[in-house]
Amino acid sequence: MLSRLSSLSRPVAVGVCALPVAALLATAVFAPLPFSVAQPGMTANVLGENKGDPVITISGAKPRTTTGQLRMTTIEATGPDARVGLGDVIDAWFREDQAVMPRDSVYPTGDTVEEIQKHNEAAMKESQDTATEAALGYLGEDSGDIKVTLRLADVGGPSAGLLFSLGIVDKLDGDGSGGDLTGGRVIAGTGTIDDAGNVGAVGGVPLKTQAARRDGATVFLVPRAECADAEAELPKGLRLIPVTTLKGAVNALVALESGKGKVPSC
């Protein structure tokens, strides 16, 4: 009799204990977590137009007519006030076209959308000014004689610096012998740049390589420090070229175009 009561009571005990566990699981699934879910974003050809305006406008010197494309790349992430739950994180974890990133790494400053937007716009403006200085410095040109205006709508942050600099170099000098830096190819990339032409890491590279390949790129310029990240999920048909400086990036593209010299690889 005791053993029968014991066997009958066991499922009841399990059922009672399962109620708070189920509640905890439901809370974990639906509670917001400090993450953002990112995916490949838009790309833009800095040698062309964006929303009807040329990305690069030059005065004080006659710009070259270029062929090929130099595409800067972006990622798109859930907003700073978006509710990202455990279900979203698990789903993104198993998808190649999404990535889970700490929210603070995507939105390191500001608590509101307005504050973050203002910060990103300021970072983009600073990146554009620095990219111009780096490009003109590389070419030995005086920024007092040549004025460069950069326009790129709806994009913030500093990660387009390298591509801006390369676009300015291509517009003013090309490969140095009358040809295009691109060799007629669709070349994409990412990387910050400083006044001296040093290229810095940016994050989100695996998603940016996907955006680049989606939009027709066959070559991707990546900060050397992020080679491993880029190789981990590299789309088929996309060649990586690691760079550490603007000069190195130009030399690599010239070598790629001419077939002479060494083209770096990860």
Protein backbone atom coordinates (compact mmCIF):
# COMPACT_ATOMS: atom_id res chain seq x y z
CA MET A 1 0.00 0.00 0.00
CA LEU A 2 2.78 2.41 0.81
CA SER A 3 4.67 1.65 -2.37
CA ARG A 4 1.48 2.21 -4.40
CA LEU A 5 0.87 5.59 -2.80
CA SER A 6 4.51 6.45 -3.38
CA SER A 7 4.30 5.57 -7.06
CA LEU A 8 1.10 7.54 -7.50
CA SER A 9 2.43 10.59 -5.70
CA ARG A 10 5.64 10.79 -7.76
CA PRO A 11 4.05 12.28 -10.92
CA VAL A 12 2.18 14.81 -8.79
CA ALA A 13 5.42 15.93 -7.17
CA VAL A 14 7.09 16.26 -10.58
CA GLY A 15 4.16 18.26 -11.90
CA VAL A 16 4.23 20.69 -8.99
CA CYS A 17 7.99 21.24 -9.37
CA ALA A 18 7.63 21.71 -13.14
CA LEU A 19 5.42 24.77 -12.76
CA PRO A 20 8.16 27.18 -11.59
CA VAL A 21 10.64 25.64 -14.08
CA ALA A 22 8.22 26.32 -16.94
CA ALA A 23 7.76 29.86 -15.71
CA LEU A 24 11.53 30.38 -15.59
CA LEU A 25 11.94 29.01 -19.12
CA ALA A 26 9.19 31.27 -20.41
CA THR A 27 10.84 34.25 -18.74
CA ALA A 28 14.21 33.34 -20.24
CA VAL A 29 12.74 32.99 -23.73
CA PHE A 30 10.84 36.26 -23.72
CA ALA A 31 12.96 38.47 -21.44
CA PRO A 32 15.09 41.04 -23.30
CA LEU A 33 18.82 40.27 -23.38
CA PRO A 34 21.78 42.69 -23.77
CA PHE A 35 22.47 41.63 -27.35
CA SER A 36 21.87 42.86 -30.89
CA VAL A 37 21.22 40.63 -33.86
CA ALA A 38 23.14 41.75 -36.94
CA GLN A 39 22.95 40.82 -40.61
CA PRO A 40 24.64 41.89 -43.87
CA GLY A 41 23.77 45.49 -44.69
CA MET A 42 23.92 47.72 -47.73
CA THR A 43 27.05 48.39 -49.75
CA ALA A 44 27.86 51.53 -51.74
CA ASN A 45 30.26 52.18 -54.59
CA VAL A 46 32.34 55.16 -53.46
CA LEU A 47 33.37 55.78 -57.08
CA GLY A 48 29.74 56.27 -58.09
CA GLU A 49 26.57 57.84 -56.74
CA ASN A 50 24.51 57.26 -53.64
CA LYS A 51 20.87 58.34 -53.74
CA GLY A 52 21.52 60.57 -56.74
CA ASP A 53 24.62 62.36 -55.43
CA PRO A 54 28.25 61.50 -56.22
CA VAL A 55 29.92 60.01 -53.17
CA ILE A 56 33.22 61.76 -53.98
CA THR A 57 33.34 65.30 -55.38
CA ILE A 58 36.71 66.90 -56.11
CA SER A 59 37.52 70.52 -56.87
CA GLY A 60 40.93 72.10 -57.45
CA ALA A 61 42.03 69.16 -59.63
CA LYS A 62 40.50 67.29 -62.53
CA PRO A 63 39.20 63.89 -61.40
CA ARG A 64 39.74 60.82 -63.53
CA THR A 65 36.95 58.87 -65.16
CA THR A 66 37.04 55.51 -63.42
CA THR A 67 35.79 52.03 -64.20
CA GLY A 68 35.11 49.22 -61.78
CA GLN A 69 33.77 49.70 -58.29
CA LEU A 70 35.07 50.23 -54.76
CA ARG A 71 32.24 49.19 -52.46
CA MET A 72 32.18 50.08 -48.77
CA THR A 73 30.25 47.56 -46.68
CA THR A 74 27.94 47.73 -43.68
CA ILE A 75 25.99 45.59 -41.26
CA GLU A 76 22.43 46.15 -40.06
CA ALA A 77 21.65 45.49 -36.41
CA THR A 78 18.56 45.52 -34.25
CA GLY A 79 18.07 48.91 -32.64
CA PRO A 80 19.32 49.83 -29.17
CA ASP A 81 15.79 49.67 -27.79
CA ALA A 82 14.79 46.43 -29.56
CA ARG A 83 13.74 43.47 -27.41
CA VAL A 84 16.09 40.61 -28.27
CA GLY A 85 15.05 37.42 -26.47
CA LEU A 86 16.63 33.99 -26.02
CA GLY A 87 14.69 32.67 -29.00
CA ASP A 88 16.17 35.37 -31.25
CA VAL A 89 19.68 34.62 -29.99
CA ILE A 90 19.33 30.86 -30.54
CA ASP A 91 17.88 31.37 -34.03
CA ALA A 92 20.68 33.76 -35.04
CA TRP A 93 23.35 31.48 -33.56
CA PHE A 94 22.57 28.75 -36.10
CA ARG A 95 22.30 31.05 -39.14
CA GLU A 96 25.23 32.06 -41.31
CA ASP A 97 23.54 35.30 -42.38
CA GLN A 98 23.09 36.59 -38.83
CA ALA A 99 25.35 37.17 -35.85
CA VAL A 100 24.73 37.82 -32.16
CA MET A 101 26.78 40.74 -30.86
CA PRO A 102 26.89 42.39 -27.43
CA ARG A 103 24.71 45.49 -27.66
CA ASP A 104 27.50 47.60 -26.16
CA SER A 105 29.81 46.64 -29.05
CA VAL A 106 27.24 47.81 -31.60
CA TYR A 107 26.07 50.87 -29.67
CA PRO A 108 29.00 51.81 -27.40
CA THR A 109 27.76 55.32 -26.65
CA GLY A 110 24.42 56.94 -25.91
CA ASP A 111 21.22 55.69 -24.36
CA THR A 112 18.74 56.88 -26.97
CA VAL A 113 18.39 56.47 -30.73
CA GLU A 114 18.97 60.21 -31.16
CA GLU A 115 22.19 60.15 -29.12
CA ILE A 116 23.52 57.13 -31.00
CA GLN A 117 22.62 58.61 -34.38
CA LYS A 118 24.39 61.84 -33.49
CA HIS A 119 27.49 59.92 -32.38
CA ASN A 120 27.55 57.82 -35.58
CA GLU A 121 27.17 60.91 -37.76
CA ALA A 122 30.07 62.58 -35.96
CA ALA A 123 32.19 59.44 -36.36
CA MET A 124 31.39 59.33 -40.07
CA LYS A 125 32.30 63.00 -40.54
CA GLU A 126 35.59 62.51 -38.71
CA SER A 127 36.28 59.39 -40.78
CA GLN A 128 35.66 61.29 -44.02
CA ASP A 129 37.99 64.13 -43.02
CA THR A 130 40.69 61.66 -41.98
CA ALA A 131 40.28 59.62 -45.15
CA THR A 132 40.76 62.77 -47.22
CA GLU A 133 43.90 63.74 -45.31
CA ALA A 134 45.31 60.22 -45.64
CA ALA A 135 44.64 60.07 -49.40
CA LEU A 136 46.06 63.52 -50.16
CA GLY A 137 49.04 62.82 -47.93
CA TYR A 138 49.71 59.57 -49.78
CA LEU A 139 49.57 61.41 -53.11
CA GLY A 140 51.72 64.29 -51.86
CA GLU A 141 48.93 66.79 -52.55
CA ASP A 142 48.12 69.90 -50.52
CA SER A 143 44.69 69.89 -48.88
CA GLY A 144 44.69 73.67 -49.29
CA ASP A 145 44.72 73.28 -53.07
CA ILE A 146 42.38 70.32 -53.51
CA LYS A 147 38.99 70.10 -51.87
CA VAL A 148 37.26 66.77 -51.46
CA THR A 149 33.62 66.42 -50.45
CA LEU A 150 32.27 63.03 -49.38
CA ARG A 151 28.55 62.22 -49.21
CA LEU A 152 27.04 58.94 -48.11
CA ALA A 153 23.45 58.99 -46.89
CA ASP A 154 22.09 56.86 -44.05
CA VAL A 155 25.43 55.40 -43.00
CA GLY A 156 27.28 56.13 -39.75
CA GLY A 157 30.52 55.15 -38.08
CA PRO A 158 34.19 55.13 -39.12
CA SER A 159 34.53 51.80 -40.94
CA ALA A 160 34.37 53.22 -44.50
CA GLY A 161 37.59 55.21 -44.04
CA LEU A 162 39.84 52.91 -46.09
CA LEU A 163 37.42 52.76 -49.02
CA PHE A 164 36.97 56.55 -49.02
CA SER A 165 40.75 57.00 -49.19
CA LEU A 166 41.09 54.47 -52.00
CA GLY A 167 38.28 56.16 -53.91
CA ILE A 168 40.02 59.54 -53.68
CA VAL A 169 43.32 58.01 -54.81
CA ASP A 170 41.60 56.33 -57.76
CA LYS A 171 39.82 59.55 -58.74
CA LEU A 172 43.04 61.59 -58.66
CA ASP A 173 45.79 59.17 -59.63
CA GLY A 174 44.46 55.69 -60.34
CA ASP A 175 47.23 53.12 -60.35
CA GLY A 176 49.82 55.81 -61.04
CA SER A 177 50.24 54.92 -64.71
CA GLY A 178 46.88 55.82 -66.21
CA GLY A 179 44.92 52.73 -65.17
CA ASP A 180 42.27 52.14 -62.55
CA LEU A 181 43.01 50.78 -59.09
CA THR A 182 40.14 48.34 -59.54
CA GLY A 183 41.28 46.95 -62.88
CA GLY A 184 37.58 47.05 -63.79
CA ARG A 185 36.67 44.70 -60.94
CA VAL A 186 34.10 45.05 -58.20
CA ILE A 187 36.25 45.39 -55.09
CA ALA A 188 34.81 45.74 -51.61
CA GLY A 189 36.29 46.15 -48.18
CA THR A 190 36.21 47.69 -44.76
CA GLY A 191 38.58 49.32 -42.29
CA THR A 192 39.14 52.54 -40.40
CA ILE A 193 41.99 54.84 -41.36
CA ASP A 194 44.03 57.48 -39.59
CA ASP A 195 45.83 60.57 -40.91
CA ALA A 196 49.01 58.58 -41.50
CA GLY A 197 47.17 55.97 -43.57
CA ASN A 198 47.13 53.16 -41.01
CA VAL A 199 44.19 50.77 -41.35
CA GLY A 200 42.31 49.62 -38.24
CA ALA A 201 39.92 46.78 -37.40
CA VAL A 202 36.16 47.32 -37.40
CA GLY A 203 34.18 44.20 -36.44
CA GLY A 204 31.32 42.43 -38.20
CA VAL A 205 33.63 41.31 -41.03
CA PRO A 206 31.95 37.92 -41.78
CA LEU A 207 28.64 39.70 -42.40
CA LYS A 208 30.35 42.37 -44.51
CA THR A 209 31.95 39.75 -46.75
CA GLN A 210 28.48 38.30 -47.36
CA ALA A 211 27.15 41.74 -48.29
CA ALA A 212 30.11 42.26 -50.62
CA ARG A 213 29.67 38.96 -52.46
CA ARG A 214 25.91 39.52 -52.70
CA ASP A 215 26.57 42.82 -54.49
CA GLY A 216 29.02 41.38 -56.98
CA ALA A 217 32.45 41.80 -55.35
CA THR A 218 35.19 39.28 -56.12
CA VAL A 219 37.87 40.88 -53.93
CA PHE A 220 37.58 42.01 -50.31
CA LEU A 221 40.11 44.24 -48.53
CA VAL A 222 40.20 43.29 -44.85
CA PRO A 223 42.23 44.69 -41.94
CA ARG A 224 44.95 42.09 -41.38
CA ALA A 225 44.00 41.74 -37.72
CA GLU A 226 40.60 40.39 -38.82
CA CYS A 227 41.80 37.79 -41.32
CA ALA A 228 40.76 34.86 -39.15
CA ASP A 229 37.23 36.22 -38.71
CA ALA A 230 36.90 36.82 -42.45
CA GLU A 231 38.20 33.36 -43.39
CA ALA A 232 35.85 31.56 -40.98
CA GLU A 233 32.75 32.16 -43.09
CA LEU A 234 34.17 33.41 -46.39
CA PRO A 235 31.64 33.30 -49.25
CA LYS A 236 32.65 31.25 -52.28
CA GLY A 237 34.18 33.35 -55.06
CA LEU A 238 35.48 36.13 -52.78
CA ARG A 239 39.23 36.67 -52.47
CA LEU A 240 40.62 38.21 -49.29
CA ILE A 241 43.46 40.74 -49.38
CA PRO A 242 44.72 41.75 -45.92
CA VAL A 243 45.93 45.33 -45.48
CA THR A 244 47.53 47.38 -42.72
CA THR A 245 48.10 50.69 -44.52
CA LEU A 246 46.66 52.72 -47.38
CA LYS A 247 49.94 52.37 -49.27
CA GLY A 248 49.82 48.61 -48.83
CA ALA A 249 46.24 48.50 -50.10
CA VAL A 250 47.13 50.53 -53.19
CA ASN A 251 50.19 48.37 -53.90
CA ALA A 252 48.13 45.19 -53.52
CA LEU A 253 45.50 46.43 -55.99
CA VAL A 254 48.16 47.52 -58.47
CA ALA A 255 49.80 44.09 -58.21
CA LEU A 256 46.43 42.41 -58.67
CA GLU A 257 45.68 44.51 -61.76
CA SER A 258 49.09 44.20 -63.41
CA GLY A 259 49.86 40.62 -62.46
CA LYS A 260 53.25 41.80 -61.26
CA GLY A 261 54.39 41.77 -57.67
CA LYS A 262 52.99 39.96 -54.67
CA VAL A 263 49.35 40.18 -53.68
CA PRO A 264 49.05 39.54 -49.91
CA SER A 265 46.80 36.80 -48.61
CA CYS A 266 45.44 35.87 -45.21
